[in-house]
Amino acid sequence: MRVFRGLFAILILLPLAAIVVVFAIHNRHTVSIDLWPLTMQVSPPLFVVVIAVFLVGFLIGGVVAWLSGGRSRGRARKEHYRLMDLEREATEKKKAEAAATTTATGLPAIAKSS
């Protein structure tokens, strides 16, 4: 698995980083952004605006995906608690059966083989 991570970094992340660097170098001219409700205007380089928009979109997509999976996570949590209860009940039942099969001398009964 560790080799796969290294291969992933080399094959995907390095070319992606190179593309971002080339994009930033070629789009250094400034753009004017008017922040409407405020009486303010900023002039960042174009690559900063584009990369910021991609990052904000990435974060919003992550939040939407996390929120849409809430019902599934809740169902999985509920099933996990149900499984834990069933395992606890099975353990208690085995202990009760073992206690019921002990002989009067306090030694466990010999199990019959089928």
PDB file of N, CA and C in Angstrom:
ATOM      1  N   MET A   1       0.824  -1.192   0.000  1.00  0.00           N
ATOM      2  CA  MET A   1       0.000   0.000   0.000  1.00  0.00           C
ATOM      3  C   MET A   1       0.869   1.257   0.000  1.00  0.00           C
ATOM      4  N   ARG A   2       2.003   1.193   0.667  1.00  0.00           N
ATOM      5  CA  ARG A   2       2.895   2.334   0.739  1.00  0.00           C
ATOM      6  C   ARG A   2       3.490   2.641  -0.641  1.00  0.00           C
ATOM      7  N   VAL A   3       3.762   1.589  -1.409  1.00  0.00           N
ATOM      8  CA  VAL A   3       4.292   1.779  -2.757  1.00  0.00           C
ATOM      9  C   VAL A   3       3.246   2.459  -3.632  1.00  0.00           C
ATOM     10  N   PHE A   4       1.986   2.078  -3.452  1.00  0.00           N
ATOM     11  CA  PHE A   4       0.901   2.674  -4.230  1.00  0.00           C
ATOM     12  C   PHE A   4       0.792   4.168  -3.947  1.00  0.00           C
ATOM     13  N   ARG A   5       0.963   4.569  -2.690  1.00  0.00           N
ATOM     14  CA  ARG A   5       0.907   5.993  -2.350  1.00  0.00           C
ATOM     15  C   ARG A   5       2.022   6.764  -3.045  1.00  0.00           C
ATOM     16  N   GLY A   6       3.215   6.207  -3.046  1.00  0.00           N
ATOM     17  CA  GLY A   6       4.329   6.862  -3.714  1.00  0.00           C
ATOM     18  C   GLY A   6       4.111   6.958  -5.209  1.00  0.00           C
ATOM     19  N   LEU A   7       3.584   5.899  -5.785  1.00  0.00           N
ATOM     20  CA  LEU A   7       3.294   5.891  -7.215  1.00  0.00           C
ATOM     21  C   LEU A   7       2.206   6.903  -7.543  1.00  0.00           C
ATOM     22  N   PHE A   8       1.199   6.985  -6.680  1.00  0.00           N
ATOM     23  CA  PHE A   8       0.120   7.960  -6.856  1.00  0.00           C
ATOM     24  C   PHE A   8       0.684   9.379  -6.821  1.00  0.00           C
ATOM     25  N   ALA A   9       1.564   9.637  -5.878  1.00  0.00           N
ATOM     26  CA  ALA A   9       2.153  10.971  -5.761  1.00  0.00           C
ATOM     27  C   ALA A   9       2.963  11.318  -6.992  1.00  0.00           C
ATOM     28  N   ILE A  10       3.699  10.376  -7.495  1.00  0.00           N
ATOM     29  CA  ILE A  10       4.545  10.655  -8.660  1.00  0.00           C
ATOM     30  C   ILE A  10       3.705  10.810  -9.924  1.00  0.00           C
ATOM     31  N   LEU A  11       2.751   9.928 -10.143  1.00  0.00           N
ATOM     32  CA  LEU A  11       1.994   9.936 -11.398  1.00  0.00           C
ATOM     33  C   LEU A  11       0.889  10.975 -11.455  1.00  0.00           C
ATOM     34  N   ILE A  12       0.330  11.355 -10.338  1.00  0.00           N
ATOM     35  CA  ILE A  12      -0.806  12.271 -10.333  1.00  0.00           C
ATOM     36  C   ILE A  12      -0.441  13.635  -9.759  1.00  0.00           C
ATOM     37  N   LEU A  13       0.106  13.658  -8.569  1.00  0.00           N
ATOM     38  CA  LEU A  13       0.316  14.925  -7.885  1.00  0.00           C
ATOM     39  C   LEU A  13       1.443  15.761  -8.484  1.00  0.00           C
ATOM     40  N   LEU A  14       2.506  15.138  -8.911  1.00  0.00           N
ATOM     41  CA  LEU A  14       3.601  15.908  -9.505  1.00  0.00           C
ATOM     42  C   LEU A  14       3.190  16.602 -10.808  1.00  0.00           C
ATOM     43  N   PRO A  15       2.561  15.914 -11.757  1.00  0.00           N
ATOM     44  CA  PRO A  15       2.100  16.628 -12.958  1.00  0.00           C
ATOM     45  C   PRO A  15       1.055  17.704 -12.637  1.00  0.00           C
ATOM     46  N   LEU A  16       0.187  17.427 -11.660  1.00  0.00           N
ATOM     47  CA  LEU A  16      -0.808  18.424 -11.265  1.00  0.00           C
ATOM     48  C   LEU A  16      -0.131  19.664 -10.691  1.00  0.00           C
ATOM     49  N   ALA A  17       0.873  19.474  -9.868  1.00  0.00           N
ATOM     50  CA  ALA A  17       1.615  20.601  -9.309  1.00  0.00           C
ATOM     51  C   ALA A  17       2.327  21.373 -10.422  1.00  0.00           C
ATOM     52  N   ALA A  18       2.880  20.666 -11.385  1.00  0.00           N
ATOM     53  CA  ALA A  18       3.547  21.329 -12.503  1.00  0.00           C
ATOM     54  C   ALA A  18       2.562  22.163 -13.309  1.00  0.00           C
ATOM     55  N   ILE A  19       1.364  21.647 -13.516  1.00  0.00           N
ATOM     56  CA  ILE A  19       0.336  22.391 -14.253  1.00  0.00           C
ATOM     57  C   ILE A  19      -0.048  23.655 -13.502  1.00  0.00           C
ATOM     58  N   VAL A  20      -0.209  23.552 -12.183  1.00  0.00           N
ATOM     59  CA  VAL A  20      -0.559  24.726 -11.379  1.00  0.00           C
ATOM     60  C   VAL A  20       0.544  25.774 -11.438  1.00  0.00           C
ATOM     61  N   VAL A  21       1.791  25.354 -11.353  1.00  0.00           N
ATOM     62  CA  VAL A  21       2.908  26.300 -11.414  1.00  0.00           C
ATOM     63  C   VAL A  21       2.966  26.990 -12.778  1.00  0.00           C
ATOM     64  N   VAL A  22       2.817  26.232 -13.853  1.00  0.00           N
ATOM     65  CA  VAL A  22       2.830  26.820 -15.198  1.00  0.00           C
ATOM     66  C   VAL A  22       1.660  27.785 -15.364  1.00  0.00           C
ATOM     67  N   PHE A  23       0.490  27.406 -14.865  1.00  0.00           N
ATOM     68  CA  PHE A  23      -0.683  28.281 -14.933  1.00  0.00           C
ATOM     69  C   PHE A  23      -0.421  29.581 -14.183  1.00  0.00           C
ATOM     70  N   ALA A  24       0.179  29.482 -12.991  1.00  0.00           N
ATOM     71  CA  ALA A  24       0.458  30.673 -12.193  1.00  0.00           C
ATOM     72  C   ALA A  24       1.463  31.579 -12.883  1.00  0.00           C
ATOM     73  N   ILE A  25       2.452  31.012 -13.518  1.00  0.00           N
ATOM     74  CA  ILE A  25       3.469  31.820 -14.204  1.00  0.00           C
ATOM     75  C   ILE A  25       2.867  32.556 -15.401  1.00  0.00           C
ATOM     76  N   HIS A  26       1.976  31.895 -16.134  1.00  0.00           N
ATOM     77  CA  HIS A  26       1.410  32.495 -17.338  1.00  0.00           C
ATOM     78  C   HIS A  26       0.238  33.427 -17.072  1.00  0.00           C
ATOM     79  N   ASN A  27      -0.297  33.458 -15.868  1.00  0.00           N
ATOM     80  CA  ASN A  27      -1.463  34.299 -15.560  1.00  0.00           C
ATOM     81  C   ASN A  27      -1.167  35.228 -14.390  1.00  0.00           C
ATOM     82  N   ARG A  28      -0.112  35.987 -14.522  1.00  0.00           N
ATOM     83  CA  ARG A  28       0.304  36.881 -13.443  1.00  0.00           C
ATOM     84  C   ARG A  28      -0.330  38.270 -13.545  1.00  0.00           C
ATOM     85  N   HIS A  29      -1.028  38.583 -14.627  1.00  0.00           N
ATOM     86  CA  HIS A  29      -1.621  39.917 -14.720  1.00  0.00           C
ATOM     87  C   HIS A  29      -2.751  40.057 -13.701  1.00  0.00           C
ATOM     88  N   THR A  30      -2.988  41.270 -13.254  1.00  0.00           N
ATOM     89  CA  THR A  30      -3.963  41.499 -12.187  1.00  0.00           C
ATOM     90  C   THR A  30      -5.355  41.674 -12.768  1.00  0.00           C
ATOM     91  N   VAL A  31      -6.331  41.334 -11.957  1.00  0.00           N
ATOM     92  CA  VAL A  31      -7.736  41.541 -12.299  1.00  0.00           C
ATOM     93  C   VAL A  31      -8.350  42.374 -11.182  1.00  0.00           C
ATOM     94  N   SER A  32      -9.355  43.132 -11.532  1.00  0.00           N
ATOM     95  CA  SER A  32     -10.015  43.999 -10.564  1.00  0.00           C
ATOM     96  C   SER A  32     -11.294  43.323 -10.076  1.00  0.00           C
ATOM     97  N   ILE A  33     -11.405  43.167  -8.773  1.00  0.00           N
ATOM     98  CA  ILE A  33     -12.595  42.544  -8.183  1.00  0.00           C
ATOM     99  C   ILE A  33     -13.267  43.579  -7.290  1.00  0.00           C
ATOM    100  N   ASP A  34     -14.536  43.860  -7.583  1.00  0.00           N
ATOM    101  CA  ASP A  34     -15.304  44.814  -6.794  1.00  0.00           C
ATOM    102  C   ASP A  34     -16.120  44.032  -5.771  1.00  0.00           C
ATOM    103  N   LEU A  35     -15.893  44.276  -4.505  1.00  0.00           N
ATOM    104  CA  LEU A  35     -16.631  43.602  -3.434  1.00  0.00           C
ATOM    105  C   LEU A  35     -17.878  44.427  -3.146  1.00  0.00           C
ATOM    106  N   TRP A  36     -18.972  44.095  -3.817  1.00  0.00           N
ATOM    107  CA  TRP A  36     -20.148  44.931  -3.953  1.00  0.00           C
ATOM    108  C   TRP A  36     -20.704  45.537  -2.663  1.00  0.00           C
ATOM    109  N   PRO A  37     -21.105  44.779  -1.654  1.00  0.00           N
ATOM    110  CA  PRO A  37     -21.730  45.487  -0.528  1.00  0.00           C
ATOM    111  C   PRO A  37     -20.753  46.440   0.154  1.00  0.00           C
ATOM    112  N   LEU A  38     -19.497  46.133   0.044  1.00  0.00           N
ATOM    113  CA  LEU A  38     -18.479  47.017   0.600  1.00  0.00           C
ATOM    114  C   LEU A  38     -18.019  47.974  -0.491  1.00  0.00           C
ATOM    115  N   THR A  39     -17.529  49.086  -0.097  1.00  0.00           N
ATOM    116  CA  THR A  39     -16.999  50.019  -1.088  1.00  0.00           C
ATOM    117  C   THR A  39     -15.504  49.773  -1.235  1.00  0.00           C
ATOM    118  N   MET A  40     -15.192  48.534  -1.596  1.00  0.00           N
ATOM    119  CA  MET A  40     -13.806  48.117  -1.647  1.00  0.00           C
ATOM    120  C   MET A  40     -13.531  47.416  -2.974  1.00  0.00           C
ATOM    121  N   GLN A  41     -12.341  47.584  -3.457  1.00  0.00           N
ATOM    122  CA  GLN A  41     -11.948  46.926  -4.695  1.00  0.00           C
ATOM    123  C   GLN A  41     -10.538  46.378  -4.506  1.00  0.00           C
ATOM    124  N   VAL A  42     -10.344  45.098  -4.901  1.00  0.00           N
ATOM    125  CA  VAL A  42      -9.026  44.480  -4.780  1.00  0.00           C
ATOM    126  C   VAL A  42      -8.535  44.110  -6.174  1.00  0.00           C
ATOM    127  N   SER A  43      -7.230  44.014  -6.304  1.00  0.00           N
ATOM    128  CA  SER A  43      -6.631  43.672  -7.595  1.00  0.00           C
ATOM    129  C   SER A  43      -5.588  42.572  -7.425  1.00  0.00           C
ATOM    130  N   PRO A  44      -6.045  41.323  -7.229  1.00  0.00           N
ATOM    131  CA  PRO A  44      -5.087  40.212  -7.099  1.00  0.00           C
ATOM    132  C   PRO A  44      -4.685  39.687  -8.473  1.00  0.00           C
ATOM    133  N   PRO A  45      -3.605  38.913  -8.537  1.00  0.00           N
ATOM    134  CA  PRO A  45      -3.262  38.254  -9.805  1.00  0.00           C
ATOM    135  C   PRO A  45      -4.351  37.249 -10.196  1.00  0.00           C
ATOM    136  N   LEU A  46      -4.514  37.036 -11.486  1.00  0.00           N
ATOM    137  CA  LEU A  46      -5.559  36.140 -11.982  1.00  0.00           C
ATOM    138  C   LEU A  46      -5.408  34.729 -11.436  1.00  0.00           C
ATOM    139  N   PHE A  47      -4.180  34.216 -11.335  1.00  0.00           N
ATOM    140  CA  PHE A  47      -4.004  32.847 -10.870  1.00  0.00           C
ATOM    141  C   PHE A  47      -4.462  32.682  -9.420  1.00  0.00           C
ATOM    142  N   VAL A  48      -4.341  33.728  -8.608  1.00  0.00           N
ATOM    143  CA  VAL A  48      -4.814  33.652  -7.222  1.00  0.00           C
ATOM    144  C   VAL A  48      -6.329  33.512  -7.191  1.00  0.00           C
ATOM    145  N   VAL A  49      -7.010  34.271  -8.035  1.00  0.00           N
ATOM    146  CA  VAL A  49      -8.472  34.208  -8.097  1.00  0.00           C
ATOM    147  C   VAL A  49      -8.927  32.828  -8.555  1.00  0.00           C
ATOM    148  N   VAL A  50      -8.316  32.315  -9.606  1.00  0.00           N
ATOM    149  CA  VAL A  50      -8.725  31.017 -10.152  1.00  0.00           C
ATOM    150  C   VAL A  50      -8.451  29.899  -9.147  1.00  0.00           C
ATOM    151  N   ILE A  51      -7.280  29.886  -8.544  1.00  0.00           N
ATOM    152  CA  ILE A  51      -6.957  28.837  -7.571  1.00  0.00           C
ATOM    153  C   ILE A  51      -7.862  28.948  -6.348  1.00  0.00           C
ATOM    154  N   ALA A  52      -8.167  30.170  -5.902  1.00  0.00           N
ATOM    155  CA  ALA A  52      -9.064  30.355  -4.762  1.00  0.00           C
ATOM    156  C   ALA A  52     -10.465  29.828  -5.082  1.00  0.00           C
ATOM    157  N   VAL A  53     -10.943  30.081  -6.290  1.00  0.00           N
ATOM    158  CA  VAL A  53     -12.266  29.585  -6.688  1.00  0.00           C
ATOM    159  C   VAL A  53     -12.278  28.055  -6.703  1.00  0.00           C
ATOM    160  N   PHE A  54     -11.221  27.438  -7.229  1.00  0.00           N
ATOM    161  CA  PHE A  54     -11.148  25.972  -7.219  1.00  0.00           C
ATOM    162  C   PHE A  54     -11.113  25.427  -5.794  1.00  0.00           C
ATOM    163  N   LEU A  55     -10.356  26.053  -4.917  1.00  0.00           N
ATOM    164  CA  LEU A  55     -10.278  25.577  -3.521  1.00  0.00           C
ATOM    165  C   LEU A  55     -11.616  25.727  -2.807  1.00  0.00           C
ATOM    166  N   VAL A  56     -12.290  26.845  -3.009  1.00  0.00           N
ATOM    167  CA  VAL A  56     -13.604  27.041  -2.382  1.00  0.00           C
ATOM    168  C   VAL A  56     -14.596  26.007  -2.914  1.00  0.00           C
ATOM    169  N   GLY A  57     -14.570  25.760  -4.216  1.00  0.00           N
ATOM    170  CA  GLY A  57     -15.451  24.736  -4.794  1.00  0.00           C
ATOM    171  C   GLY A  57     -15.148  23.358  -4.252  1.00  0.00           C
ATOM    172  N   PHE A  58     -13.861  23.059  -4.073  1.00  0.00           N
ATOM    173  CA  PHE A  58     -13.463  21.769  -3.513  1.00  0.00           C
ATOM    174  C   PHE A  58     -13.991  21.621  -2.088  1.00  0.00           C
ATOM    175  N   LEU A  59     -13.863  22.663  -1.286  1.00  0.00           N
ATOM    176  CA  LEU A  59     -14.344  22.614   0.098  1.00  0.00           C
ATOM    177  C   LEU A  59     -15.865  22.500   0.163  1.00  0.00           C
ATOM    178  N   ILE A  60     -16.558  23.266  -0.674  1.00  0.00           N
ATOM    179  CA  ILE A  60     -18.028  23.185  -0.690  1.00  0.00           C
ATOM    180  C   ILE A  60     -18.471  21.793  -1.135  1.00  0.00           C
ATOM    181  N   GLY A  61     -17.805  21.216  -2.128  1.00  0.00           N
ATOM    182  CA  GLY A  61     -18.136  19.852  -2.560  1.00  0.00           C
ATOM    183  C   GLY A  61     -17.920  18.837  -1.451  1.00  0.00           C
ATOM    184  N   GLY A  62     -16.846  19.001  -0.684  1.00  0.00           N
ATOM    185  CA  GLY A  62     -16.606  18.101   0.448  1.00  0.00           C
ATOM    186  C   GLY A  62     -17.677  18.213   1.511  1.00  0.00           C
ATOM    187  N   VAL A  63     -18.110  19.430   1.802  1.00  0.00           N
ATOM    188  CA  VAL A  63     -19.168  19.634   2.798  1.00  0.00           C
ATOM    189  C   VAL A  63     -20.481  19.027   2.312  1.00  0.00           C
ATOM    190  N   VAL A  64     -20.810  19.232   1.048  1.00  0.00           N
ATOM    191  CA  VAL A  64     -22.045  18.668   0.486  1.00  0.00           C
ATOM    192  C   VAL A  64     -21.996  17.145   0.527  1.00  0.00           C
ATOM    193  N   ALA A  65     -20.867  16.560   0.179  1.00  0.00           N
ATOM    194  CA  ALA A  65     -20.739  15.093   0.215  1.00  0.00           C
ATOM    195  C   ALA A  65     -20.862  14.583   1.639  1.00  0.00           C
ATOM    196  N   TRP A  66     -20.272  15.291   2.590  1.00  0.00           N
ATOM    197  CA  TRP A  66     -20.349  14.871   3.990  1.00  0.00           C
ATOM    198  C   TRP A  66     -21.788  14.963   4.491  1.00  0.00           C
ATOM    199  N   LEU A  67     -22.480  16.043   4.164  1.00  0.00           N
ATOM    200  CA  LEU A  67     -23.863  16.197   4.599  1.00  0.00           C
ATOM    201  C   LEU A  67     -24.781  15.173   3.940  1.00  0.00           C
ATOM    202  N   SER A  68     -24.557  14.858   2.677  1.00  0.00           N
ATOM    203  CA  SER A  68     -25.421  13.892   1.995  1.00  0.00           C
ATOM    204  C   SER A  68     -25.204  12.472   2.516  1.00  0.00           C
ATOM    205  N   GLY A  69     -24.055  12.199   3.115  1.00  0.00           N
ATOM    206  CA  GLY A  69     -23.799  10.877   3.679  1.00  0.00           C
ATOM    207  C   GLY A  69     -24.249  10.735   5.117  1.00  0.00           C
ATOM    208  N   GLY A  70     -24.869  11.761   5.671  1.00  0.00           N
ATOM    209  CA  GLY A  70     -25.286  11.732   7.071  1.00  0.00           C
ATOM    210  C   GLY A  70     -26.283  10.627   7.380  1.00  0.00           C
ATOM    211  N   ARG A  71     -27.235  10.417   6.497  1.00  0.00           N
ATOM    212  CA  ARG A  71     -28.253   9.390   6.724  1.00  0.00           C
ATOM    213  C   ARG A  71     -27.609   8.003   6.736  1.00  0.00           C
ATOM    214  N   SER A  72     -26.679   7.766   5.828  1.00  0.00           N
ATOM    215  CA  SER A  72     -25.997   6.470   5.767  1.00  0.00           C
ATOM    216  C   SER A  72     -25.127   6.247   6.998  1.00  0.00           C
ATOM    217  N   ARG A  73     -24.425   7.295   7.434  1.00  0.00           N
ATOM    218  CA  ARG A  73     -23.598   7.171   8.637  1.00  0.00           C
ATOM    219  C   ARG A  73     -24.461   6.899   9.859  1.00  0.00           C
ATOM    220  N   GLY A  74     -25.622   7.559   9.936  1.00  0.00           N
ATOM    221  CA  GLY A  74     -26.533   7.321  11.058  1.00  0.00           C
ATOM    222  C   GLY A  74     -27.057   5.898  11.062  1.00  0.00           C
ATOM    223  N   ARG A  75     -27.400   5.392   9.884  1.00  0.00           N
ATOM    224  CA  ARG A  75     -27.884   4.018   9.777  1.00  0.00           C
ATOM    225  C   ARG A  75     -26.781   3.034  10.167  1.00  0.00           C
ATOM    226  N   ALA A  76     -25.562   3.288   9.726  1.00  0.00           N
ATOM    227  CA  ALA A  76     -24.436   2.411  10.062  1.00  0.00           C
ATOM    228  C   ALA A  76     -24.163   2.445  11.566  1.00  0.00           C
ATOM    229  N   ARG A  77     -24.263   3.623  12.175  1.00  0.00           N
ATOM    230  CA  ARG A  77     -24.056   3.739  13.615  1.00  0.00           C
ATOM    231  C   ARG A  77     -25.126   2.950  14.377  1.00  0.00           C
ATOM    232  N   LYS A  78     -26.365   3.064  13.920  1.00  0.00           N
ATOM    233  CA  LYS A  78     -27.466   2.348  14.569  1.00  0.00           C
ATOM    234  C   LYS A  78     -27.269   0.836  14.453  1.00  0.00           C
ATOM    235  N   GLU A  79     -26.862   0.378  13.266  1.00  0.00           N
ATOM    236  CA  GLU A  79     -26.606  -1.055  13.074  1.00  0.00           C
ATOM    237  C   GLU A  79     -25.414  -1.518  13.908  1.00  0.00           C
ATOM    238  N   HIS A  80     -24.421  -0.679  14.088  1.00  0.00           N
ATOM    239  CA  HIS A  80     -23.273  -1.030  14.935  1.00  0.00           C
ATOM    240  C   HIS A  80     -23.721  -1.225  16.378  1.00  0.00           C
ATOM    241  N   TYR A  81     -24.541  -0.302  16.881  1.00  0.00           N
ATOM    242  CA  TYR A  81     -25.045  -0.446  18.254  1.00  0.00           C
ATOM    243  C   TYR A  81     -25.901  -1.703  18.390  1.00  0.00           C
ATOM    244  N   ARG A  82     -26.709  -1.997  17.369  1.00  0.00           N
ATOM    245  CA  ARG A  82     -27.551  -3.205  17.404  1.00  0.00           C
ATOM    246  C   ARG A  82     -26.671  -4.451  17.428  1.00  0.00           C
ATOM    247  N   LEU A  83     -25.620  -4.469  16.619  1.00  0.00           N
ATOM    248  CA  LEU A  83     -24.696  -5.602  16.595  1.00  0.00           C
ATOM    249  C   LEU A  83     -24.024  -5.782  17.956  1.00  0.00           C
ATOM    250  N   MET A  84     -23.601  -4.686  18.565  1.00  0.00           N
ATOM    251  CA  MET A  84     -22.963  -4.769  19.884  1.00  0.00           C
ATOM    252  C   MET A  84     -23.934  -5.353  20.922  1.00  0.00           C
ATOM    253  N   ASP A  85     -25.201  -4.940  20.870  1.00  0.00           N
ATOM    254  CA  ASP A  85     -26.200  -5.480  21.787  1.00  0.00           C
ATOM    255  C   ASP A  85     -26.403  -6.981  21.556  1.00  0.00           C
ATOM    256  N   LEU A  86     -26.492  -7.393  20.290  1.00  0.00           N
ATOM    257  CA  LEU A  86     -26.683  -8.810  19.989  1.00  0.00           C
ATOM    258  C   LEU A  86     -25.481  -9.640  20.427  1.00  0.00           C
ATOM    259  N   GLU A  87     -24.275  -9.113  20.234  1.00  0.00           N
ATOM    260  CA  GLU A  87     -23.081  -9.840  20.682  1.00  0.00           C
ATOM    261  C   GLU A  87     -23.063  -9.966  22.208  1.00  0.00           C
ATOM    262  N   ARG A  88     -23.460  -8.899  22.897  1.00  0.00           N
ATOM    263  CA  ARG A  88     -23.512  -8.946  24.359  1.00  0.00           C
ATOM    264  C   ARG A  88     -24.548  -9.972  24.825  1.00  0.00           C
ATOM    265  N   GLU A  89     -25.718  -9.979  24.174  1.00  0.00           N
ATOM    266  CA  GLU A  89     -26.747 -10.952  24.535  1.00  0.00           C
ATOM    267  C   GLU A  89     -26.270 -12.380  24.274  1.00  0.00           C
ATOM    268  N   ALA A  90     -25.585 -12.613  23.159  1.00  0.00           N
ATOM    269  CA  ALA A  90     -25.085 -13.956  22.844  1.00  0.00           C
ATOM    270  C   ALA A  90     -24.059 -14.401  23.873  1.00  0.00           C
ATOM    271  N   THR A  91     -23.183 -13.491  24.295  1.00  0.00           N
ATOM    272  CA  THR A  91     -22.180 -13.821  25.308  1.00  0.00           C
ATOM    273  C   THR A  91     -22.855 -14.166  26.631  1.00  0.00           C
ATOM    274  N   GLU A  92     -23.855 -13.367  27.011  1.00  0.00           N
ATOM    275  CA  GLU A  92     -24.582 -13.641  28.259  1.00  0.00           C
ATOM    276  C   GLU A  92     -25.306 -14.983  28.186  1.00  0.00           C
ATOM    277  N   LYS A  93     -25.880 -15.291  27.020  1.00  0.00           N
ATOM    278  CA  LYS A  93     -26.592 -16.554  26.859  1.00  0.00           C
ATOM    279  C   LYS A  93     -25.634 -17.741  26.951  1.00  0.00           C
ATOM    280  N   LYS A  94     -24.436 -17.623  26.351  1.00  0.00           N
ATOM    281  CA  LYS A  94     -23.439 -18.688  26.444  1.00  0.00           C
ATOM    282  C   LYS A  94     -22.996 -18.892  27.885  1.00  0.00           C
ATOM    283  N   LYS A  95     -22.810 -17.785  28.609  1.00  0.00           N
ATOM    284  CA  LYS A  95     -22.414 -17.895  30.019  1.00  0.00           C
ATOM    285  C   LYS A  95     -23.511 -18.568  30.835  1.00  0.00           C
ATOM    286  N   ALA A  96     -24.773 -18.218  30.549  1.00  0.00           N
ATOM    287  CA  ALA A  96     -25.893 -18.824  31.273  1.00  0.00           C
ATOM    288  C   ALA A  96     -25.997 -20.316  30.960  1.00  0.00           C
ATOM    289  N   GLU A  97     -25.789 -20.692  29.693  1.00  0.00           N
ATOM    290  CA  GLU A  97     -25.830 -22.106  29.326  1.00  0.00           C
ATOM    291  C   GLU A  97     -24.681 -22.868  29.975  1.00  0.00           C
ATOM    292  N   ALA A  98     -23.514 -22.257  30.029  1.00  0.00           N
ATOM    293  CA  ALA A  98     -22.365 -22.902  30.657  1.00  0.00           C
ATOM    294  C   ALA A  98     -22.612 -23.087  32.145  1.00  0.00           C
ATOM    295  N   ALA A  99     -23.244 -22.106  32.767  1.00  0.00           N
ATOM    296  CA  ALA A  99     -23.538 -22.216  34.200  1.00  0.00           C
ATOM    297  C   ALA A  99     -24.602 -23.285  34.444  1.00  0.00           C
ATOM    298  N   ALA A 100     -25.539 -23.440  33.512  1.00  0.00           N
ATOM    299  CA  ALA A 100     -26.605 -24.430  33.671  1.00  0.00           C
ATOM    300  C   ALA A 100     -26.092 -25.845  33.450  1.00  0.00           C
ATOM    301  N   THR A 101     -25.032 -26.015  32.698  1.00  0.00           N
ATOM    302  CA  THR A 101     -24.538 -27.356  32.402  1.00  0.00           C
ATOM    303  C   THR A 101     -23.494 -27.841  33.412  1.00  0.00           C
ATOM    304  N   THR A 102     -23.155 -27.020  34.361  1.00  0.00           N
ATOM    305  CA  THR A 102     -22.189 -27.491  35.365  1.00  0.00           C
ATOM    306  C   THR A 102     -22.848 -28.558  36.227  1.00  0.00           C
ATOM    307  N   THR A 103     -22.064 -29.481  36.651  1.00  0.00           N
ATOM    308  CA  THR A 103     -22.575 -30.565  37.483  1.00  0.00           C
ATOM    309  C   THR A 103     -22.641 -30.103  38.928  1.00  0.00           C
ATOM    310  N   ALA A 104     -23.154 -30.943  39.739  1.00  0.00           N
ATOM    311  CA  ALA A 104     -23.297 -30.617  41.168  1.00  0.00           C
ATOM    312  C   ALA A 104     -21.926 -30.433  41.816  1.00  0.00           C
ATOM    313  N   THR A 105     -20.923 -31.020  41.266  1.00  0.00           N
ATOM    314  CA  THR A 105     -19.598 -30.897  41.849  1.00  0.00           C
ATOM    315  C   THR A 105     -18.909 -29.611  41.455  1.00  0.00           C
ATOM    316  N   GLY A 106     -19.536 -28.859  40.563  1.00  0.00           N
ATOM    317  CA  GLY A 106     -18.950 -27.600  40.130  1.00  0.00           C
ATOM    318  C   GLY A 106     -18.043 -27.750  38.926  1.00  0.00           C
ATOM    319  N   LEU A 107     -17.926 -28.974  38.391  1.00  0.00           N
ATOM    320  CA  LEU A 107     -17.108 -29.184  37.201  1.00  0.00           C
ATOM    321  C   LEU A 107     -18.004 -29.038  35.972  1.00  0.00           C
ATOM    322  N   PRO A 108     -17.484 -28.512  34.899  1.00  0.00           N
ATOM    323  CA  PRO A 108     -18.292 -28.390  33.700  1.00  0.00           C
ATOM    324  C   PRO A 108     -18.628 -29.760  33.130  1.00  0.00           C
ATOM    325  N   ALA A 109     -19.826 -29.862  32.576  1.00  0.00           N
ATOM    326  CA  ALA A 109     -20.268 -31.125  31.992  1.00  0.00           C
ATOM    327  C   ALA A 109     -19.488 -31.385  30.713  1.00  0.00           C
ATOM    328  N   ILE A 110     -19.315 -32.654  30.380  1.00  0.00           N
ATOM    329  CA  ILE A 110     -18.618 -33.015  29.156  1.00  0.00           C
ATOM    330  C   ILE A 110     -19.596 -32.868  28.007  1.00  0.00           C
ATOM    331  N   ALA A 111     -19.159 -32.160  27.003  1.00  0.00           N
ATOM    332  CA  ALA A 111     -20.017 -31.925  25.849  1.00  0.00           C
ATOM    333  C   ALA A 111     -20.131 -33.196  25.041  1.00  0.00           C
ATOM    334  N   LYS A 112     -21.349 -33.494  24.589  1.00  0.00           N
ATOM    335  CA  LYS A 112     -21.573 -34.670  23.762  1.00  0.00           C
ATOM    336  C   LYS A 112     -21.186 -34.334  22.332  1.00  0.00           C
ATOM    337  N   SER A 113     -20.420 -35.234  21.725  1.00  0.00           N
ATOM    338  CA  SER A 113     -20.052 -35.001  20.324  1.00  0.00           C
ATOM    339  C   SER A 113     -21.081 -35.655  19.439  1.00  0.00           C
ATOM    340  N   SER A 114     -21.440 -34.976  18.342  1.00  0.00           N
ATOM    341  CA  SER A 114     -22.451 -35.516  17.440  1.00  0.00           C
ATOM    342  C   SER A 114     -21.843 -36.251  16.314  1.00  0.00           C
TER     343      SER A 114
END
